[in-house]
PDB file of N, CA and C in Angstrom:
ATOM      1  N   UNK A   1     -22.855 -26.344  22.782  1.00  0.00           N
ATOM      2  CA  UNK A   1     -22.303 -25.420  21.841  1.00  0.00           C
ATOM      3  C   UNK A   1     -21.101 -24.745  22.302  1.00  0.00           C
ATOM      4  N   UNK A   2     -19.991 -24.630  21.344  1.00  0.00           N
ATOM      5  CA  UNK A   2     -18.772 -24.104  21.949  1.00  0.00           C
ATOM      6  C   UNK A   2     -19.026 -22.453  22.227  1.00  0.00           C
ATOM      7  N   UNK A   3     -18.354 -21.983  23.121  1.00  0.00           N
ATOM      8  CA  UNK A   3     -18.575 -20.441  23.320  1.00  0.00           C
ATOM      9  C   UNK A   3     -17.534 -19.685  22.125  1.00  0.00           C
ATOM     10  N   UNK A   4     -18.230 -18.342  22.127  1.00  0.00           N
ATOM     11  CA  UNK A   4     -17.729 -17.471  21.114  1.00  0.00           C
ATOM     12  C   UNK A   4     -16.312 -16.959  21.508  1.00  0.00           C
ATOM     13  N   UNK A   5     -15.467 -16.733  20.773  1.00  0.00           N
ATOM     14  CA  UNK A   5     -14.271 -15.961  21.155  1.00  0.00           C
ATOM     15  C   UNK A   5     -14.675 -14.590  21.461  1.00  0.00           C
ATOM     16  N   UNK A   6     -13.761 -13.981  22.296  1.00  0.00           N
ATOM     17  CA  UNK A   6     -13.941 -12.559  22.719  1.00  0.00           C
ATOM     18  C   UNK A   6     -13.546 -11.621  21.661  1.00  0.00           C
ATOM     19  N   UNK A   7     -14.334 -10.746  21.278  1.00  0.00           N
ATOM     20  CA  UNK A   7     -14.029  -9.930  20.255  1.00  0.00           C
ATOM     21  C   UNK A   7     -13.264  -8.595  20.592  1.00  0.00           C
ATOM     22  N   UNK A   8     -13.066  -8.356  21.704  1.00  0.00           N
ATOM     23  CA  UNK A   8     -12.284  -7.046  22.102  1.00  0.00           C
ATOM     24  C   UNK A   8     -11.508  -7.172  23.287  1.00  0.00           C
ATOM     25  N   UNK A   9     -10.605  -6.155  23.374  1.00  0.00           N
ATOM     26  CA  UNK A   9      -9.803  -6.238  24.652  1.00  0.00           C
ATOM     27  C   UNK A   9     -10.437  -5.832  25.851  1.00  0.00           C
ATOM     28  N   UNK A  10     -11.447  -4.970  25.473  1.00  0.00           N
ATOM     29  CA  UNK A  10     -12.324  -4.698  26.808  1.00  0.00           C
ATOM     30  C   UNK A  10     -13.042  -5.729  27.393  1.00  0.00           C
ATOM     31  N   UNK A  11     -13.344  -6.736  26.881  1.00  0.00           N
ATOM     32  CA  UNK A  11     -14.071  -7.724  27.441  1.00  0.00           C
ATOM     33  C   UNK A  11     -13.105  -8.852  28.298  1.00  0.00           C
ATOM     34  N   UNK A  12     -11.731  -8.577  28.122  1.00  0.00           N
ATOM     35  CA  UNK A  12     -10.945  -9.461  28.894  1.00  0.00           C
ATOM     36  C   UNK A  12     -10.773  -9.116  30.176  1.00  0.00           C
ATOM     37  N   UNK A  13     -10.579 -10.010  31.284  1.00  0.00           N
ATOM     38  CA  UNK A  13     -10.095  -9.520  32.572  1.00  0.00           C
ATOM     39  C   UNK A  13      -8.951  -8.715  32.553  1.00  0.00           C
ATOM     40  N   UNK A  14      -8.940  -7.872  33.886  1.00  0.00           N
ATOM     41  CA  UNK A  14      -7.893  -7.011  33.922  1.00  0.00           C
ATOM     42  C   UNK A  14      -6.538  -7.566  34.053  1.00  0.00           C
ATOM     43  N   UNK A  15      -6.424  -8.802  34.439  1.00  0.00           N
ATOM     44  CA  UNK A  15      -5.053  -9.669  34.785  1.00  0.00           C
ATOM     45  C   UNK A  15      -4.748 -10.508  33.518  1.00  0.00           C
ATOM     46  N   UNK A  16      -5.520 -10.344  32.357  1.00  0.00           N
ATOM     47  CA  UNK A  16      -5.232 -11.106  31.239  1.00  0.00           C
ATOM     48  C   UNK A  16      -3.782 -10.726  30.646  1.00  0.00           C
ATOM     49  N   UNK A  17      -3.148 -11.697  29.916  1.00  0.00           N
ATOM     50  CA  UNK A  17      -1.896 -11.501  29.434  1.00  0.00           C
ATOM     51  C   UNK A  17      -1.875 -10.619  28.159  1.00  0.00           C
ATOM     52  N   UNK A  18      -3.001 -10.747  27.420  1.00  0.00           N
ATOM     53  CA  UNK A  18      -3.138  -9.981  26.242  1.00  0.00           C
ATOM     54  C   UNK A  18      -3.202  -8.364  26.760  1.00  0.00           C
ATOM     55  N   UNK A  19      -3.861  -8.050  27.697  1.00  0.00           N
ATOM     56  CA  UNK A  19      -3.842  -6.771  28.152  1.00  0.00           C
ATOM     57  C   UNK A  19      -2.369  -6.176  28.499  1.00  0.00           C
ATOM     58  N   UNK A  20      -1.673  -6.807  29.122  1.00  0.00           N
ATOM     59  CA  UNK A  20      -0.238  -6.535  29.439  1.00  0.00           C
ATOM     60  C   UNK A  20       0.635  -6.269  28.117  1.00  0.00           C
ATOM     61  N   UNK A  21       0.364  -7.336  27.271  1.00  0.00           N
ATOM     62  CA  UNK A  21       1.335  -7.140  26.214  1.00  0.00           C
ATOM     63  C   UNK A  21       0.831  -6.143  24.998  1.00  0.00           C
ATOM     64  N   UNK A  22      -0.454  -5.594  25.256  1.00  0.00           N
ATOM     65  CA  UNK A  22      -0.987  -4.713  24.085  1.00  0.00           C
ATOM     66  C   UNK A  22      -0.542  -3.474  24.413  1.00  0.00           C
ATOM     67  N   UNK A  23      -0.212  -3.078  25.541  1.00  0.00           N
ATOM     68  CA  UNK A  23      -0.095  -1.459  25.994  1.00  0.00           C
ATOM     69  C   UNK A  23       1.002  -1.002  24.981  1.00  0.00           C
ATOM     70  N   UNK A  24       2.122  -1.431  24.700  1.00  0.00           N
ATOM     71  CA  UNK A  24       3.115  -0.873  24.068  1.00  0.00           C
ATOM     72  C   UNK A  24       3.570  -1.753  22.676  1.00  0.00           C
ATOM     73  N   UNK A  25       2.710  -2.431  22.198  1.00  0.00           N
ATOM     74  CA  UNK A  25       2.880  -3.269  20.996  1.00  0.00           C
ATOM     75  C   UNK A  25       3.190  -2.348  19.723  1.00  0.00           C
ATOM     76  N   UNK A  26       2.419  -1.466  19.502  1.00  0.00           N
ATOM     77  CA  UNK A  26       2.639  -0.619  18.199  1.00  0.00           C
ATOM     78  C   UNK A  26       4.037  -0.042  18.502  1.00  0.00           C
ATOM     79  N   UNK A  27       4.237   0.614  19.614  1.00  0.00           N
ATOM     80  CA  UNK A  27       5.630   1.376  19.833  1.00  0.00           C
ATOM     81  C   UNK A  27       6.928   0.326  19.620  1.00  0.00           C
ATOM     82  N   UNK A  28       6.691  -0.928  20.163  1.00  0.00           N
ATOM     83  CA  UNK A  28       7.738  -1.803  19.965  1.00  0.00           C
ATOM     84  C   UNK A  28       8.000  -2.196  18.635  1.00  0.00           C
ATOM     85  N   UNK A  29       6.869  -2.425  17.860  1.00  0.00           N
ATOM     86  CA  UNK A  29       6.911  -2.605  16.458  1.00  0.00           C
ATOM     87  C   UNK A  29       7.736  -1.633  15.595  1.00  0.00           C
ATOM     88  N   UNK A  30       7.249  -0.363  15.955  1.00  0.00           N
ATOM     89  CA  UNK A  30       8.082   0.795  15.179  1.00  0.00           C
ATOM     90  C   UNK A  30       9.565   0.754  15.553  1.00  0.00           C
ATOM     91  N   UNK A  31       9.738   0.617  16.748  1.00  0.00           N
ATOM     92  CA  UNK A  31      11.207   0.552  17.218  1.00  0.00           C
ATOM     93  C   UNK A  31      11.928  -0.493  16.651  1.00  0.00           C
ATOM     94  N   UNK A  32      11.336  -1.733  16.584  1.00  0.00           N
ATOM     95  CA  UNK A  32      12.006  -2.918  16.002  1.00  0.00           C
ATOM     96  C   UNK A  32      12.359  -2.685  14.605  1.00  0.00           C
ATOM     97  N   UNK A  33      11.365  -2.067  13.687  1.00  0.00           N
ATOM     98  CA  UNK A  33      11.583  -1.819  12.361  1.00  0.00           C
ATOM     99  C   UNK A  33      12.683  -0.671  12.253  1.00  0.00           C
ATOM    100  N   UNK A  34      12.675   0.306  13.046  1.00  0.00           N
ATOM    101  CA  UNK A  34      13.808   1.323  12.967  1.00  0.00           C
ATOM    102  C   UNK A  34      15.149   0.660  13.388  1.00  0.00           C
ATOM    103  N   UNK A  35      15.080  -0.179  14.405  1.00  0.00           N
ATOM    104  CA  UNK A  35      16.346  -0.832  14.844  1.00  0.00           C
ATOM    105  C   UNK A  35      16.818  -1.810  13.629  1.00  0.00           C
ATOM    106  N   UNK A  36      16.075  -2.526  13.046  1.00  0.00           N
ATOM    107  CA  UNK A  36      16.646  -3.297  12.227  1.00  0.00           C
ATOM    108  C   UNK A  36      17.278  -2.411  10.981  1.00  0.00           C
ATOM    109  N   UNK A  37      16.516  -1.579  10.494  1.00  0.00           N
ATOM    110  CA  UNK A  37      17.047  -0.653   9.390  1.00  0.00           C
ATOM    111  C   UNK A  37      18.324   0.013   9.793  1.00  0.00           C
ATOM    112  N   UNK A  38      18.485   0.477  11.066  1.00  0.00           N
ATOM    113  CA  UNK A  38      19.780   0.973  11.424  1.00  0.00           C
ATOM    114  C   UNK A  38      20.833  -0.046  11.412  1.00  0.00           C
ATOM    115  N   UNK A  39      20.564  -1.174  11.932  1.00  0.00           N
ATOM    116  CA  UNK A  39      21.510  -2.307  11.947  1.00  0.00           C
ATOM    117  C   UNK A  39      21.891  -2.804  10.462  1.00  0.00           C
ATOM    118  N   UNK A  40      20.937  -2.757   9.677  1.00  0.00           N
ATOM    119  CA  UNK A  40      21.485  -3.088   8.039  1.00  0.00           C
ATOM    120  C   UNK A  40      22.323  -1.911   7.652  1.00  0.00           C
ATOM    121  N   UNK A  41      22.119  -0.664   7.959  1.00  0.00           N
ATOM    122  CA  UNK A  41      22.938   0.481   7.413  1.00  0.00           C
ATOM    123  C   UNK A  41      24.403   0.258   8.152  1.00  0.00           C
ATOM    124  N   UNK A  42      24.202   0.124   9.513  1.00  0.00           N
ATOM    125  CA  UNK A  42      25.471  -0.195  10.200  1.00  0.00           C
ATOM    126  C   UNK A  42      26.396  -1.313   9.601  1.00  0.00           C
ATOM    127  N   UNK A  43      25.895  -2.331   9.385  1.00  0.00           N
ATOM    128  CA  UNK A  43      26.515  -3.487   8.975  1.00  0.00           C
ATOM    129  C   UNK A  43      27.171  -3.203   7.515  1.00  0.00           C
ATOM    130  N   UNK A  44      26.361  -2.464   6.640  1.00  0.00           N
ATOM    131  CA  UNK A  44      26.856  -2.185   5.299  1.00  0.00           C
ATOM    132  C   UNK A  44      28.103  -1.164   5.535  1.00  0.00           C
ATOM    133  N   UNK A  45      28.115  -0.242   6.337  1.00  0.00           N
ATOM    134  CA  UNK A  45      29.161   0.676   6.712  1.00  0.00           C
ATOM    135  C   UNK A  45      30.529  -0.025   7.081  1.00  0.00           C
ATOM    136  N   UNK A  46      30.197  -0.811   8.065  1.00  0.00           N
ATOM    137  CA  UNK A  46      31.375  -1.764   8.785  1.00  0.00           C
ATOM    138  C   UNK A  46      31.906  -2.565   7.767  1.00  0.00           C
ATOM    139  N   UNK A  47      31.136  -3.118   6.782  1.00  0.00           N
ATOM    140  CA  UNK A  47      31.632  -4.024   5.820  1.00  0.00           C
ATOM    141  C   UNK A  47      32.182  -3.412   4.319  1.00  0.00           C
ATOM    142  N   UNK A  48      32.115  -2.099   4.557  1.00  0.00           N
ATOM    143  CA  UNK A  48      32.379  -1.388   3.454  1.00  0.00           C
ATOM    144  C   UNK A  48      31.766  -1.727   2.035  1.00  0.00           C
ATOM    145  N   UNK A  49      30.324  -1.937   2.355  1.00  0.00           N
ATOM    146  CA  UNK A  49      29.484  -2.196   1.124  1.00  0.00           C
ATOM    147  C   UNK A  49      28.738  -0.881   0.854  1.00  0.00           C
ATOM    148  N   UNK A  50      28.006  -0.892  -0.390  1.00  0.00           N
ATOM    149  CA  UNK A  50      27.363   0.328  -0.598  1.00  0.00           C
ATOM    150  C   UNK A  50      25.897   0.303   0.499  1.00  0.00           C
ATOM    151  N   UNK A  51      25.564   1.610   0.694  1.00  0.00           N
ATOM    152  CA  UNK A  51      24.322   1.702   1.491  1.00  0.00           C
ATOM    153  C   UNK A  51      23.161   1.133   0.646  1.00  0.00           C
ATOM    154  N   UNK A  52      22.260   0.441   1.477  1.00  0.00           N
ATOM    155  CA  UNK A  52      21.059  -0.152   0.806  1.00  0.00           C
ATOM    156  C   UNK A  52      20.009   0.830   0.566  1.00  0.00           C
ATOM    157  N   UNK A  53      19.458   0.784  -0.752  1.00  0.00           N
ATOM    158  CA  UNK A  53      18.328   1.636  -1.110  1.00  0.00           C
ATOM    159  C   UNK A  53      17.140   0.941  -0.697  1.00  0.00           C
ATOM    160  N   UNK A  54      16.334   1.957  -0.166  1.00  0.00           N
ATOM    161  CA  UNK A  54      14.940   1.622   0.089  1.00  0.00           C
ATOM    162  C   UNK A  54      14.170   1.299  -1.135  1.00  0.00           C
ATOM    163  N   UNK A  55      13.152   0.549  -1.094  1.00  0.00           N
ATOM    164  CA  UNK A  55      12.320   0.380  -2.188  1.00  0.00           C
ATOM    165  C   UNK A  55      10.935   0.327  -1.717  1.00  0.00           C
ATOM    166  N   UNK A  56       9.936   0.603  -2.691  1.00  0.00           N
ATOM    167  CA  UNK A  56       8.474   0.856  -2.512  1.00  0.00           C
ATOM    168  C   UNK A  56       7.774   0.034  -3.585  1.00  0.00           C
ATOM    169  N   UNK A  57       7.050  -0.852  -3.020  1.00  0.00           N
ATOM    170  CA  UNK A  57       6.210  -1.785  -3.969  1.00  0.00           C
ATOM    171  C   UNK A  57       4.759  -1.492  -3.606  1.00  0.00           C
ATOM    172  N   UNK A  58       4.163  -0.554  -4.440  1.00  0.00           N
ATOM    173  CA  UNK A  58       2.682  -0.502  -4.163  1.00  0.00           C
ATOM    174  C   UNK A  58       1.802  -1.735  -4.563  1.00  0.00           C
ATOM    175  N   UNK A  59       0.824  -1.723  -3.942  1.00  0.00           N
ATOM    176  CA  UNK A  59      -0.216  -2.913  -4.305  1.00  0.00           C
ATOM    177  C   UNK A  59      -0.702  -2.455  -5.584  1.00  0.00           C
ATOM    178  N   UNK A  60      -1.100  -3.391  -6.474  1.00  0.00           N
ATOM    179  CA  UNK A  60      -1.638  -3.242  -7.709  1.00  0.00           C
ATOM    180  C   UNK A  60      -3.081  -2.634  -7.610  1.00  0.00           C
ATOM    181  N   UNK A  61      -3.410  -1.534  -8.656  1.00  0.00           N
ATOM    182  CA  UNK A  61      -4.734  -1.029  -8.473  1.00  0.00           C
ATOM    183  C   UNK A  61      -5.741  -2.033  -8.833  1.00  0.00           C
ATOM    184  N   UNK A  62      -6.891  -2.094  -7.986  1.00  0.00           N
ATOM    185  CA  UNK A  62      -7.993  -3.036  -8.161  1.00  0.00           C
ATOM    186  C   UNK A  62      -8.525  -2.923  -9.517  1.00  0.00           C
ATOM    187  N   UNK A  63      -8.711  -4.362 -10.135  1.00  0.00           N
ATOM    188  CA  UNK A  63      -9.167  -4.283 -11.508  1.00  0.00           C
ATOM    189  C   UNK A  63     -10.869  -4.056 -11.467  1.00  0.00           C
ATOM    190  N   UNK A  64     -11.515  -4.299 -10.323  1.00  0.00           N
ATOM    191  CA  UNK A  64     -12.942  -4.098 -10.385  1.00  0.00           C
ATOM    192  C   UNK A  64     -13.118  -3.006  -9.368  1.00  0.00           C
ATOM    193  N   UNK A  65     -13.867  -1.949  -9.567  1.00  0.00           N
ATOM    194  CA  UNK A  65     -14.255  -0.798  -8.636  1.00  0.00           C
ATOM    195  C   UNK A  65     -15.501  -1.471  -7.826  1.00  0.00           C
ATOM    196  N   UNK A  66     -15.520  -1.262  -6.607  1.00  0.00           N
ATOM    197  CA  UNK A  66     -16.767  -1.730  -5.818  1.00  0.00           C
ATOM    198  C   UNK A  66     -17.881  -0.663  -6.175  1.00  0.00           C
ATOM    199  N   UNK A  67     -19.036  -1.398  -6.258  1.00  0.00           N
ATOM    200  CA  UNK A  67     -20.347  -0.501  -6.602  1.00  0.00           C
ATOM    201  C   UNK A  67     -20.979   0.031  -5.466  1.00  0.00           C
ATOM    202  N   UNK A  68     -21.370   1.247  -5.245  1.00  0.00           N
ATOM    203  CA  UNK A  68     -21.863   1.813  -4.160  1.00  0.00           C
ATOM    204  C   UNK A  68     -23.283   2.273  -4.747  1.00  0.00           C
ATOM    205  N   UNK A  69     -24.247   1.663  -3.889  1.00  0.00           N
ATOM    206  CA  UNK A  69     -25.619   2.193  -4.302  1.00  0.00           C
ATOM    207  C   UNK A  69     -26.080   3.257  -3.403  1.00  0.00           C
ATOM    208  N   UNK A  70     -26.823   4.220  -3.819  1.00  0.00           N
ATOM    209  CA  UNK A  70     -27.333   5.336  -3.000  1.00  0.00           C
ATOM    210  C   UNK A  70     -28.132   4.725  -1.720  1.00  0.00           C
ATOM    211  N   UNK A  71     -28.687   3.847  -1.811  1.00  0.00           N
ATOM    212  CA  UNK A  71     -29.494   3.280  -0.710  1.00  0.00           C
ATOM    213  C   UNK A  71     -28.518   2.961   0.455  1.00  0.00           C
ATOM    214  N   UNK A  72     -27.085   2.596   0.356  1.00  0.00           N
ATOM    215  CA  UNK A  72     -26.229   2.175   1.341  1.00  0.00           C
ATOM    216  C   UNK A  72     -25.681   3.496   1.928  1.00  0.00           C
ATOM    217  N   UNK A  73     -26.038   4.670   1.487  1.00  0.00           N
ATOM    218  CA  UNK A  73     -25.165   5.886   1.900  1.00  0.00           C
ATOM    219  C   UNK A  73     -26.122   6.455   2.952  1.00  0.00           C
ATOM    220  N   UNK A  74     -25.580   6.733   4.307  1.00  0.00           N
ATOM    221  CA  UNK A  74     -26.379   7.306   5.311  1.00  0.00           C
ATOM    222  C   UNK A  74     -25.601   8.706   5.664  1.00  0.00           C
ATOM    223  N   UNK A  75     -26.580   9.636   6.116  1.00  0.00           N
ATOM    224  CA  UNK A  75     -26.027  10.849   6.473  1.00  0.00           C
ATOM    225  C   UNK A  75     -26.258  10.834   7.839  1.00  0.00           C
ATOM    226  N   UNK A  76     -25.487  11.469   8.669  1.00  0.00           N
ATOM    227  CA  UNK A  76     -25.612  11.810  10.148  1.00  0.00           C
ATOM    228  C   UNK A  76     -26.107  13.268  10.278  1.00  0.00           C
ATOM    229  N   UNK A  77     -27.103  13.245  11.118  1.00  0.00           N
ATOM    230  CA  UNK A  77     -27.647  14.659  11.260  1.00  0.00           C
ATOM    231  C   UNK A  77     -27.194  15.177  12.665  1.00  0.00           C
ATOM    232  N   UNK A  78     -26.294  14.483  13.272  1.00  0.00           N
ATOM    233  CA  UNK A  78     -25.723  14.890  14.616  1.00  0.00           C
ATOM    234  C   UNK A  78     -24.826  16.126  14.391  1.00  0.00           C
TER     235      UNK A  78
END
């Protein structure tokens, strides 16, 4: 039977490459998004083009509302 994949970072050895790459991955993603936006604006200015306008495309509202039964609700007494 094949072994199950590891489900969390805590289960990996300390020297695993995923641990080293995970530490600042969120920061690098935000920085790269910011840098890309800055470069797009800079290129537009240097090429004397109109500045790009941001756009927001929200996801459509779900057509079906999930049903929640009272038996599924649990209250914590802690």
